[in-house]
Amino acid sequence: MSSNAAPWRRWYKTERWRKLRERILLRDMYICQKTGVLLSGKHPAPNSPVIHHDKEHRGNEVLFWDEDNLVSVSKQWHDSEAQRQEQETLQHRGVWY
């Protein structure tokens, strides 16, 4: 990771995130909350689980860790639909911490 990377990217490497990720998957019963697909694949399979921030956190630590802002989704949904939505809002993003 380059020194220019956003500091919040480190949060994904923490034990806190690993535990939170598992809590969200269990809460959502390993079901994609956007498509209903069973999240049984191993990365990088299309049905592998990804934890998605419904509201972009933009480096906001409260939003990043907020369990109510997190949902289980499939890698396929995240890599297509979520990314498309983010691209559409590029001009509205504002400052990233």
PDB file of N, CA and C in Angstrom:
ATOM      1  N   MET A   1       0.847  -1.178   0.000  1.00  0.00           N
ATOM      2  CA  MET A   1       0.000   0.000   0.000  1.00  0.00           C
ATOM      3  C   MET A   1       0.887   1.235   0.000  1.00  0.00           C
ATOM      4  N   SER A   2       0.563   2.170  -0.840  1.00  0.00           N
ATOM      5  CA  SER A   2       1.408   3.362  -0.946  1.00  0.00           C
ATOM      6  C   SER A   2       1.180   4.286   0.239  1.00  0.00           C
ATOM      7  N   SER A   3       2.138   5.189   0.449  1.00  0.00           N
ATOM      8  CA  SER A   3       2.013   6.141   1.552  1.00  0.00           C
ATOM      9  C   SER A   3       0.897   7.144   1.293  1.00  0.00           C
ATOM     10  N   ASN A   4       0.403   7.210   0.037  1.00  0.00           N
ATOM     11  CA  ASN A   4      -0.691   8.121  -0.297  1.00  0.00           C
ATOM     12  C   ASN A   4      -2.062   7.510  -0.024  1.00  0.00           C
ATOM     13  N   ALA A   5      -2.107   6.244   0.359  1.00  0.00           N
ATOM     14  CA  ALA A   5      -3.385   5.572   0.598  1.00  0.00           C
ATOM     15  C   ALA A   5      -4.101   6.230   1.775  1.00  0.00           C
ATOM     16  N   ALA A   6      -5.428   6.235   1.678  1.00  0.00           N
ATOM     17  CA  ALA A   6      -6.231   6.818   2.753  1.00  0.00           C
ATOM     18  C   ALA A   6      -5.984   6.056   4.056  1.00  0.00           C
ATOM     19  N   PRO A   7      -5.796   6.767   5.162  1.00  0.00           N
ATOM     20  CA  PRO A   7      -5.500   6.110   6.444  1.00  0.00           C
ATOM     21  C   PRO A   7      -6.569   5.088   6.863  1.00  0.00           C
ATOM     22  N   TRP A   8      -7.824   5.319   6.509  1.00  0.00           N
ATOM     23  CA  TRP A   8      -8.898   4.404   6.916  1.00  0.00           C
ATOM     24  C   TRP A   8      -8.763   3.023   6.285  1.00  0.00           C
ATOM     25  N   ARG A   9      -8.010   2.895   5.208  1.00  0.00           N
ATOM     26  CA  ARG A   9      -7.848   1.572   4.589  1.00  0.00           C
ATOM     27  C   ARG A   9      -7.198   0.576   5.551  1.00  0.00           C
ATOM     28  N   ARG A  10      -6.403   1.083   6.484  1.00  0.00           N
ATOM     29  CA  ARG A  10      -5.774   0.210   7.494  1.00  0.00           C
ATOM     30  C   ARG A  10      -6.816  -0.467   8.378  1.00  0.00           C
ATOM     31  N   TRP A  11      -7.963   0.179   8.563  1.00  0.00           N
ATOM     32  CA  TRP A  11      -8.985  -0.370   9.455  1.00  0.00           C
ATOM     33  C   TRP A  11      -9.447  -1.750   8.998  1.00  0.00           C
ATOM     34  N   TYR A  12      -9.400  -2.002   7.676  1.00  0.00           N
ATOM     35  CA  TYR A  12      -9.825  -3.307   7.156  1.00  0.00           C
ATOM     36  C   TYR A  12      -8.875  -4.437   7.557  1.00  0.00           C
ATOM     37  N   LYS A  13      -7.693  -4.110   8.000  1.00  0.00           N
ATOM     38  CA  LYS A  13      -6.683  -5.111   8.370  1.00  0.00           C
ATOM     39  C   LYS A  13      -6.685  -5.427   9.861  1.00  0.00           C
ATOM     40  N   THR A  14      -7.570  -4.798  10.629  1.00  0.00           N
ATOM     41  CA  THR A  14      -7.546  -4.946  12.082  1.00  0.00           C
ATOM     42  C   THR A  14      -8.379  -6.127  12.562  1.00  0.00           C
ATOM     43  N   GLU A  15      -8.037  -6.587  13.745  1.00  0.00           N
ATOM     44  CA  GLU A  15      -8.815  -7.631  14.408  1.00  0.00           C
ATOM     45  C   GLU A  15     -10.235  -7.135  14.676  1.00  0.00           C
ATOM     46  N   ARG A  16     -10.376  -5.866  15.011  1.00  0.00           N
ATOM     47  CA  ARG A  16     -11.706  -5.286  15.245  1.00  0.00           C
ATOM     48  C   ARG A  16     -12.583  -5.461  14.004  1.00  0.00           C
ATOM     49  N   TRP A  17     -12.039  -5.169  12.812  1.00  0.00           N
ATOM     50  CA  TRP A  17     -12.810  -5.327  11.575  1.00  0.00           C
ATOM     51  C   TRP A  17     -13.137  -6.801  11.326  1.00  0.00           C
ATOM     52  N   ARG A  18     -12.161  -7.679  11.544  1.00  0.00           N
ATOM     53  CA  ARG A  18     -12.395  -9.105  11.316  1.00  0.00           C
ATOM     54  C   ARG A  18     -13.563  -9.608  12.175  1.00  0.00           C
ATOM     55  N   LYS A  19     -13.608  -9.197  13.427  1.00  0.00           N
ATOM     56  CA  LYS A  19     -14.689  -9.613  14.331  1.00  0.00           C
ATOM     57  C   LYS A  19     -16.019  -8.985  13.917  1.00  0.00           C
ATOM     58  N   LEU A  20     -15.977  -7.714  13.553  1.00  0.00           N
ATOM     59  CA  LEU A  20     -17.194  -7.030  13.118  1.00  0.00           C
ATOM     60  C   LEU A  20     -17.737  -7.668  11.846  1.00  0.00           C
ATOM     61  N   ARG A  21     -16.860  -7.969  10.918  1.00  0.00           N
ATOM     62  CA  ARG A  21     -17.246  -8.611   9.663  1.00  0.00           C
ATOM     63  C   ARG A  21     -17.976  -9.928   9.941  1.00  0.00           C
ATOM     64  N   GLU A  22     -17.431 -10.723  10.830  1.00  0.00           N
ATOM     65  CA  GLU A  22     -18.052 -12.002  11.174  1.00  0.00           C
ATOM     66  C   GLU A  22     -19.423 -11.799  11.825  1.00  0.00           C
ATOM     67  N   ARG A  23     -19.548 -10.787  12.711  1.00  0.00           N
ATOM     68  CA  ARG A  23     -20.847 -10.484  13.340  1.00  0.00           C
ATOM     69  C   ARG A  23     -21.896 -10.134  12.292  1.00  0.00           C
ATOM     70  N   ILE A  24     -21.503  -9.333  11.306  1.00  0.00           N
ATOM     71  CA  ILE A  24     -22.451  -8.922  10.263  1.00  0.00           C
ATOM     72  C   ILE A  24     -22.865 -10.124   9.425  1.00  0.00           C
ATOM     73  N   LEU A  25     -21.915 -10.975   9.051  1.00  0.00           N
ATOM     74  CA  LEU A  25     -22.241 -12.177   8.272  1.00  0.00           C
ATOM     75  C   LEU A  25     -23.198 -13.079   9.037  1.00  0.00           C
ATOM     76  N   LEU A  26     -22.958 -13.259  10.326  1.00  0.00           N
ATOM     77  CA  LEU A  26     -23.849 -14.092  11.140  1.00  0.00           C
ATOM     78  C   LEU A  26     -25.225 -13.438  11.277  1.00  0.00           C
ATOM     79  N   ARG A  27     -25.238 -12.138  11.519  1.00  0.00           N
ATOM     80  CA  ARG A  27     -26.512 -11.419  11.627  1.00  0.00           C
ATOM     81  C   ARG A  27     -27.340 -11.582  10.359  1.00  0.00           C
ATOM     82  N   ASP A  28     -26.672 -11.462   9.211  1.00  0.00           N
ATOM     83  CA  ASP A  28     -27.360 -11.544   7.921  1.00  0.00           C
ATOM     84  C   ASP A  28     -27.480 -12.984   7.415  1.00  0.00           C
ATOM     85  N   MET A  29     -27.050 -13.948   8.225  1.00  0.00           N
ATOM     86  CA  MET A  29     -27.152 -15.375   7.929  1.00  0.00           C
ATOM     87  C   MET A  29     -26.497 -15.750   6.594  1.00  0.00           C
ATOM     88  N   TYR A  30     -25.375 -15.075   6.272  1.00  0.00           N
ATOM     89  CA  TYR A  30     -24.620 -15.351   5.047  1.00  0.00           C
ATOM     90  C   TYR A  30     -25.511 -15.267   3.798  1.00  0.00           C
ATOM     91  N   ILE A  31     -26.442 -14.303   3.819  1.00  0.00           N
ATOM     92  CA  ILE A  31     -27.327 -14.046   2.678  1.00  0.00           C
ATOM     93  C   ILE A  31     -27.042 -12.629   2.177  1.00  0.00           C
ATOM     94  N   CYS A  32     -26.859 -12.483   0.851  1.00  0.00           N
ATOM     95  CA  CYS A  32     -26.676 -11.151   0.269  1.00  0.00           C
ATOM     96  C   CYS A  32     -27.938 -10.335   0.518  1.00  0.00           C
ATOM     97  N   GLN A  33     -27.781  -9.204   1.161  1.00  0.00           N
ATOM     98  CA  GLN A  33     -28.917  -8.355   1.513  1.00  0.00           C
ATOM     99  C   GLN A  33     -29.443  -7.546   0.330  1.00  0.00           C
ATOM    100  N   LYS A  34     -28.809  -7.664  -0.814  1.00  0.00           N
ATOM    101  CA  LYS A  34     -29.254  -6.957  -2.017  1.00  0.00           C
ATOM    102  C   LYS A  34     -29.887  -7.902  -3.032  1.00  0.00           C
ATOM    103  N   THR A  35     -29.440  -9.178  -3.048  1.00  0.00           N
ATOM    104  CA  THR A  35     -29.926 -10.111  -4.077  1.00  0.00           C
ATOM    105  C   THR A  35     -30.518 -11.397  -3.525  1.00  0.00           C
ATOM    106  N   GLY A  36     -30.272 -11.693  -2.251  1.00  0.00           N
ATOM    107  CA  GLY A  36     -30.765 -12.928  -1.662  1.00  0.00           C
ATOM    108  C   GLY A  36     -29.902 -14.143  -1.918  1.00  0.00           C
ATOM    109  N   VAL A  37     -28.756 -13.978  -2.564  1.00  0.00           N
ATOM    110  CA  VAL A  37     -27.845 -15.078  -2.873  1.00  0.00           C
ATOM    111  C   VAL A  37     -27.169 -15.566  -1.589  1.00  0.00           C
ATOM    112  N   LEU A  38     -27.022 -16.886  -1.457  1.00  0.00           N
ATOM    113  CA  LEU A  38     -26.279 -17.465  -0.350  1.00  0.00           C
ATOM    114  C   LEU A  38     -24.791 -17.170  -0.549  1.00  0.00           C
ATOM    115  N   LEU A  39     -24.158 -16.623   0.468  1.00  0.00           N
ATOM    116  CA  LEU A  39     -22.752 -16.227   0.387  1.00  0.00           C
ATOM    117  C   LEU A  39     -21.873 -17.392   0.839  1.00  0.00           C
ATOM    118  N   SER A  40     -21.706 -18.356  -0.051  1.00  0.00           N
ATOM    119  CA  SER A  40     -21.001 -19.582   0.303  1.00  0.00           C
ATOM    120  C   SER A  40     -19.678 -19.736  -0.442  1.00  0.00           C
ATOM    121  N   GLY A  41     -19.347 -18.810  -1.310  1.00  0.00           N
ATOM    122  CA  GLY A  41     -18.126 -18.925  -2.095  1.00  0.00           C
ATOM    123  C   GLY A  41     -16.902 -18.443  -1.354  1.00  0.00           C
ATOM    124  N   LYS A  42     -15.762 -18.847  -1.873  1.00  0.00           N
ATOM    125  CA  LYS A  42     -14.478 -18.386  -1.349  1.00  0.00           C
ATOM    126  C   LYS A  42     -13.938 -17.337  -2.316  1.00  0.00           C
ATOM    127  N   HIS A  43     -13.439 -16.227  -1.773  1.00  0.00           N
ATOM    128  CA  HIS A  43     -12.910 -15.141  -2.602  1.00  0.00           C
ATOM    129  C   HIS A  43     -11.931 -15.709  -3.627  1.00  0.00           C
ATOM    130  N   PRO A  44     -12.042 -15.368  -4.877  1.00  0.00           N
ATOM    131  CA  PRO A  44     -12.830 -14.306  -5.509  1.00  0.00           C
ATOM    132  C   PRO A  44     -14.120 -14.781  -6.195  1.00  0.00           C
ATOM    133  N   ALA A  45     -14.735 -15.831  -5.708  1.00  0.00           N
ATOM    134  CA  ALA A  45     -15.971 -16.327  -6.329  1.00  0.00           C
ATOM    135  C   ALA A  45     -17.059 -15.259  -6.292  1.00  0.00           C
ATOM    136  N   PRO A  46     -17.931 -15.218  -7.308  1.00  0.00           N
ATOM    137  CA  PRO A  46     -19.011 -14.214  -7.348  1.00  0.00           C
ATOM    138  C   PRO A  46     -19.918 -14.247  -6.122  1.00  0.00           C
ATOM    139  N   ASN A  47     -20.085 -15.427  -5.509  1.00  0.00           N
ATOM    140  CA  ASN A  47     -20.946 -15.532  -4.333  1.00  0.00           C
ATOM    141  C   ASN A  47     -20.159 -15.515  -3.019  1.00  0.00           C
ATOM    142  N   SER A  48     -18.933 -15.005  -3.066  1.00  0.00           N
ATOM    143  CA  SER A  48     -18.172 -14.852  -1.821  1.00  0.00           C
ATOM    144  C   SER A  48     -18.670 -13.613  -1.081  1.00  0.00           C
ATOM    145  N   PRO A  49     -18.590 -13.622   0.256  1.00  0.00           N
ATOM    146  CA  PRO A  49     -19.149 -12.519   1.047  1.00  0.00           C
ATOM    147  C   PRO A  49     -18.254 -11.279   1.071  1.00  0.00           C
ATOM    148  N   VAL A  50     -18.913 -10.132   0.998  1.00  0.00           N
ATOM    149  CA  VAL A  50     -18.273  -8.825   1.157  1.00  0.00           C
ATOM    150  C   VAL A  50     -19.138  -8.036   2.130  1.00  0.00           C
ATOM    151  N   ILE A  51     -18.514  -7.305   3.024  1.00  0.00           N
ATOM    152  CA  ILE A  51     -19.271  -6.418   3.913  1.00  0.00           C
ATOM    153  C   ILE A  51     -19.261  -5.028   3.281  1.00  0.00           C
ATOM    154  N   HIS A  52     -20.458  -4.517   3.056  1.00  0.00           N
ATOM    155  CA  HIS A  52     -20.643  -3.259   2.330  1.00  0.00           C
ATOM    156  C   HIS A  52     -21.162  -2.170   3.261  1.00  0.00           C
ATOM    157  N   HIS A  53     -20.611  -0.974   3.125  1.00  0.00           N
ATOM    158  CA  HIS A  53     -21.126   0.201   3.831  1.00  0.00           C
ATOM    159  C   HIS A  53     -22.266   0.776   2.998  1.00  0.00           C
ATOM    160  N   ASP A  54     -23.492   0.727   3.518  1.00  0.00           N
ATOM    161  CA  ASP A  54     -24.628   1.254   2.765  1.00  0.00           C
ATOM    162  C   ASP A  54     -24.454   2.739   2.481  1.00  0.00           C
ATOM    163  N   LYS A  55     -24.051   3.479   3.498  1.00  0.00           N
ATOM    164  CA  LYS A  55     -23.749   4.901   3.314  1.00  0.00           C
ATOM    165  C   LYS A  55     -22.231   5.018   3.287  1.00  0.00           C
ATOM    166  N   GLU A  56     -21.690   5.609   2.225  1.00  0.00           N
ATOM    167  CA  GLU A  56     -20.243   5.773   2.115  1.00  0.00           C
ATOM    168  C   GLU A  56     -19.704   6.474   3.354  1.00  0.00           C
ATOM    169  N   HIS A  57     -18.670   5.908   3.950  1.00  0.00           N
ATOM    170  CA  HIS A  57     -18.130   6.491   5.186  1.00  0.00           C
ATOM    171  C   HIS A  57     -17.186   7.654   4.921  1.00  0.00           C
ATOM    172  N   ARG A  58     -16.557   7.684   3.760  1.00  0.00           N
ATOM    173  CA  ARG A  58     -15.638   8.769   3.385  1.00  0.00           C
ATOM    174  C   ARG A  58     -14.588   9.066   4.453  1.00  0.00           C
ATOM    175  N   GLY A  59     -14.156   8.026   5.148  1.00  0.00           N
ATOM    176  CA  GLY A  59     -13.158   8.201   6.191  1.00  0.00           C
ATOM    177  C   GLY A  59     -13.732   8.562   7.543  1.00  0.00           C
ATOM    178  N   ASN A  60     -15.053   8.684   7.640  1.00  0.00           N
ATOM    179  CA  ASN A  60     -15.698   8.984   8.913  1.00  0.00           C
ATOM    180  C   ASN A  60     -15.688   7.712   9.756  1.00  0.00           C
ATOM    181  N   GLU A  61     -14.957   7.749  10.844  1.00  0.00           N
ATOM    182  CA  GLU A  61     -14.768   6.559  11.673  1.00  0.00           C
ATOM    183  C   GLU A  61     -16.073   6.049  12.268  1.00  0.00           C
ATOM    184  N   VAL A  62     -16.968   6.931  12.645  1.00  0.00           N
ATOM    185  CA  VAL A  62     -18.261   6.508  13.209  1.00  0.00           C
ATOM    186  C   VAL A  62     -19.061   5.717  12.178  1.00  0.00           C
ATOM    187  N   LEU A  63     -19.150   6.236  10.950  1.00  0.00           N
ATOM    188  CA  LEU A  63     -19.869   5.520   9.891  1.00  0.00           C
ATOM    189  C   LEU A  63     -19.182   4.217   9.517  1.00  0.00           C
ATOM    190  N   PHE A  64     -17.878   4.212   9.529  1.00  0.00           N
ATOM    191  CA  PHE A  64     -17.127   3.012   9.161  1.00  0.00           C
ATOM    192  C   PHE A  64     -17.465   1.851  10.080  1.00  0.00           C
ATOM    193  N   TRP A  65     -17.513   2.096  11.387  1.00  0.00           N
ATOM    194  CA  TRP A  65     -17.716   1.028  12.373  1.00  0.00           C
ATOM    195  C   TRP A  65     -19.182   0.809  12.732  1.00  0.00           C
ATOM    196  N   ASP A  66     -20.096   1.591  12.206  1.00  0.00           N
ATOM    197  CA  ASP A  66     -21.520   1.505  12.555  1.00  0.00           C
ATOM    198  C   ASP A  66     -22.149   0.231  11.988  1.00  0.00           C
ATOM    199  N   GLU A  67     -22.536  -0.704  12.855  1.00  0.00           N
ATOM    200  CA  GLU A  67     -23.128  -1.969  12.404  1.00  0.00           C
ATOM    201  C   GLU A  67     -24.411  -1.750  11.610  1.00  0.00           C
ATOM    202  N   ASP A  68     -25.131  -0.692  11.906  1.00  0.00           N
ATOM    203  CA  ASP A  68     -26.368  -0.396  11.164  1.00  0.00           C
ATOM    204  C   ASP A  68     -26.084   0.102   9.750  1.00  0.00           C
ATOM    205  N   ASN A  69     -24.843   0.433   9.465  1.00  0.00           N
ATOM    206  CA  ASN A  69     -24.445   0.902   8.138  1.00  0.00           C
ATOM    207  C   ASN A  69     -23.786  -0.217   7.323  1.00  0.00           C
ATOM    208  N   LEU A  70     -23.723  -1.410   7.880  1.00  0.00           N
ATOM    209  CA  LEU A  70     -23.033  -2.527   7.240  1.00  0.00           C
ATOM    210  C   LEU A  70     -24.011  -3.623   6.849  1.00  0.00           C
ATOM    211  N   VAL A  71     -23.827  -4.167   5.644  1.00  0.00           N
ATOM    212  CA  VAL A  71     -24.644  -5.282   5.169  1.00  0.00           C
ATOM    213  C   VAL A  71     -23.759  -6.289   4.446  1.00  0.00           C
ATOM    214  N   SER A  72     -24.188  -7.536   4.489  1.00  0.00           N
ATOM    215  CA  SER A  72     -23.512  -8.602   3.754  1.00  0.00           C
ATOM    216  C   SER A  72     -24.018  -8.596   2.320  1.00  0.00           C
ATOM    217  N   VAL A  73     -23.086  -8.602   1.376  1.00  0.00           N
ATOM    218  CA  VAL A  73     -23.438  -8.648  -0.045  1.00  0.00           C
ATOM    219  C   VAL A  73     -22.500  -9.619  -0.753  1.00  0.00           C
ATOM    220  N   SER A  74     -22.892 -10.017  -1.945  1.00  0.00           N
ATOM    221  CA  SER A  74     -22.023 -10.880  -2.745  1.00  0.00           C
ATOM    222  C   SER A  74     -20.938 -10.047  -3.413  1.00  0.00           C
ATOM    223  N   LYS A  75     -19.806 -10.685  -3.656  1.00  0.00           N
ATOM    224  CA  LYS A  75     -18.728 -10.003  -4.377  1.00  0.00           C
ATOM    225  C   LYS A  75     -19.227  -9.528  -5.735  1.00  0.00           C
ATOM    226  N   GLN A  76     -20.047 -10.343  -6.392  1.00  0.00           N
ATOM    227  CA  GLN A  76     -20.571  -9.965  -7.701  1.00  0.00           C
ATOM    228  C   GLN A  76     -21.384  -8.672  -7.607  1.00  0.00           C
ATOM    229  N   TRP A  77     -22.286  -8.570  -6.620  1.00  0.00           N
ATOM    230  CA  TRP A  77     -23.084  -7.345  -6.467  1.00  0.00           C
ATOM    231  C   TRP A  77     -22.170  -6.173  -6.135  1.00  0.00           C
ATOM    232  N   HIS A  78     -21.240  -6.390  -5.201  1.00  0.00           N
ATOM    233  CA  HIS A  78     -20.368  -5.305  -4.763  1.00  0.00           C
ATOM    234  C   HIS A  78     -19.496  -4.792  -5.902  1.00  0.00           C
ATOM    235  N   ASP A  79     -18.958  -5.712  -6.714  1.00  0.00           N
ATOM    236  CA  ASP A  79     -18.053  -5.310  -7.790  1.00  0.00           C
ATOM    237  C   ASP A  79     -18.777  -4.691  -8.973  1.00  0.00           C
ATOM    238  N   SER A  80     -20.077  -4.888  -9.062  1.00  0.00           N
ATOM    239  CA  SER A  80     -20.810  -4.315 -10.191  1.00  0.00           C
ATOM    240  C   SER A  80     -21.705  -3.170  -9.717  1.00  0.00           C
ATOM    241  N   GLU A  81     -22.755  -3.487  -9.012  1.00  0.00           N
ATOM    242  CA  GLU A  81     -23.748  -2.468  -8.639  1.00  0.00           C
ATOM    243  C   GLU A  81     -23.196  -1.421  -7.677  1.00  0.00           C
ATOM    244  N   ALA A  82     -22.521  -1.850  -6.630  1.00  0.00           N
ATOM    245  CA  ALA A  82     -21.991  -0.886  -5.652  1.00  0.00           C
ATOM    246  C   ALA A  82     -20.975   0.046  -6.312  1.00  0.00           C
ATOM    247  N   GLN A  83     -20.111  -0.512  -7.140  1.00  0.00           N
ATOM    248  CA  GLN A  83     -19.103   0.304  -7.814  1.00  0.00           C
ATOM    249  C   GLN A  83     -19.753   1.274  -8.809  1.00  0.00           C
ATOM    250  N   ARG A  84     -20.791   0.818  -9.499  1.00  0.00           N
ATOM    251  CA  ARG A  84     -21.507   1.695 -10.430  1.00  0.00           C
ATOM    252  C   ARG A  84     -22.113   2.877  -9.672  1.00  0.00           C
ATOM    253  N   GLN A  85     -22.735   2.593  -8.533  1.00  0.00           N
ATOM    254  CA  GLN A  85     -23.339   3.662  -7.734  1.00  0.00           C
ATOM    255  C   GLN A  85     -22.291   4.648  -7.248  1.00  0.00           C
ATOM    256  N   GLU A  86     -21.134   4.143  -6.825  1.00  0.00           N
ATOM    257  CA  GLU A  86     -20.072   5.039  -6.375  1.00  0.00           C
ATOM    258  C   GLU A  86     -19.584   5.931  -7.509  1.00  0.00           C
ATOM    259  N   GLN A  87     -19.444   5.376  -8.703  1.00  0.00           N
ATOM    260  CA  GLN A  87     -18.995   6.166  -9.848  1.00  0.00           C
ATOM    261  C   GLN A  87     -19.992   7.268 -10.183  1.00  0.00           C
ATOM    262  N   GLU A  88     -21.279   6.972 -10.025  1.00  0.00           N
ATOM    263  CA  GLU A  88     -22.311   7.974 -10.313  1.00  0.00           C
ATOM    264  C   GLU A  88     -22.252   9.146  -9.348  1.00  0.00           C
ATOM    265  N   THR A  89     -21.730   8.922  -8.137  1.00  0.00           N
ATOM    266  CA  THR A  89     -21.712   9.987  -7.136  1.00  0.00           C
ATOM    267  C   THR A  89     -20.354  10.656  -6.993  1.00  0.00           C
ATOM    268  N   LEU A  90     -19.438  10.395  -7.916  1.00  0.00           N
ATOM    269  CA  LEU A  90     -18.096  10.981  -7.799  1.00  0.00           C
ATOM    270  C   LEU A  90     -18.127  12.485  -7.593  1.00  0.00           C
ATOM    271  N   GLN A  91     -18.967  13.181  -8.335  1.00  0.00           N
ATOM    272  CA  GLN A  91     -18.986  14.638  -8.237  1.00  0.00           C
ATOM    273  C   GLN A  91     -19.611  15.133  -6.932  1.00  0.00           C
ATOM    274  N   HIS A  92     -20.274  14.225  -6.189  1.00  0.00           N
ATOM    275  CA  HIS A  92     -20.937  14.618  -4.947  1.00  0.00           C
ATOM    276  C   HIS A  92     -20.185  14.163  -3.702  1.00  0.00           C
ATOM    277  N   ARG A  93     -19.046  13.552  -3.875  1.00  0.00           N
ATOM    278  CA  ARG A  93     -18.372  12.906  -2.755  1.00  0.00           C
ATOM    279  C   ARG A  93     -17.841  13.857  -1.695  1.00  0.00           C
ATOM    280  N   GLY A  94     -17.285  14.951  -2.087  1.00  0.00           N
ATOM    281  CA  GLY A  94     -16.705  15.848  -1.093  1.00  0.00           C
ATOM    282  C   GLY A  94     -15.347  15.350  -0.633  1.00  0.00           C
ATOM    283  N   VAL A  95     -14.971  15.735   0.559  1.00  0.00           N
ATOM    284  CA  VAL A  95     -13.654  15.439   1.099  1.00  0.00           C
ATOM    285  C   VAL A  95     -13.618  14.025   1.668  1.00  0.00           C
ATOM    286  N   TRP A  96     -12.559  13.305   1.327  1.00  0.00           N
ATOM    287  CA  TRP A  96     -12.302  11.984   1.916  1.00  0.00           C
ATOM    288  C   TRP A  96     -11.194  12.173   2.946  1.00  0.00           C
ATOM    289  N   TYR A  97     -11.394  11.650   4.114  1.00  0.00           N
ATOM    290  CA  TYR A  97     -10.440  11.809   5.223  1.00  0.00           C
ATOM    291  C   TYR A  97      -9.217  10.952   5.015  1.00  0.00           C
TER     292      TYR A  97
END
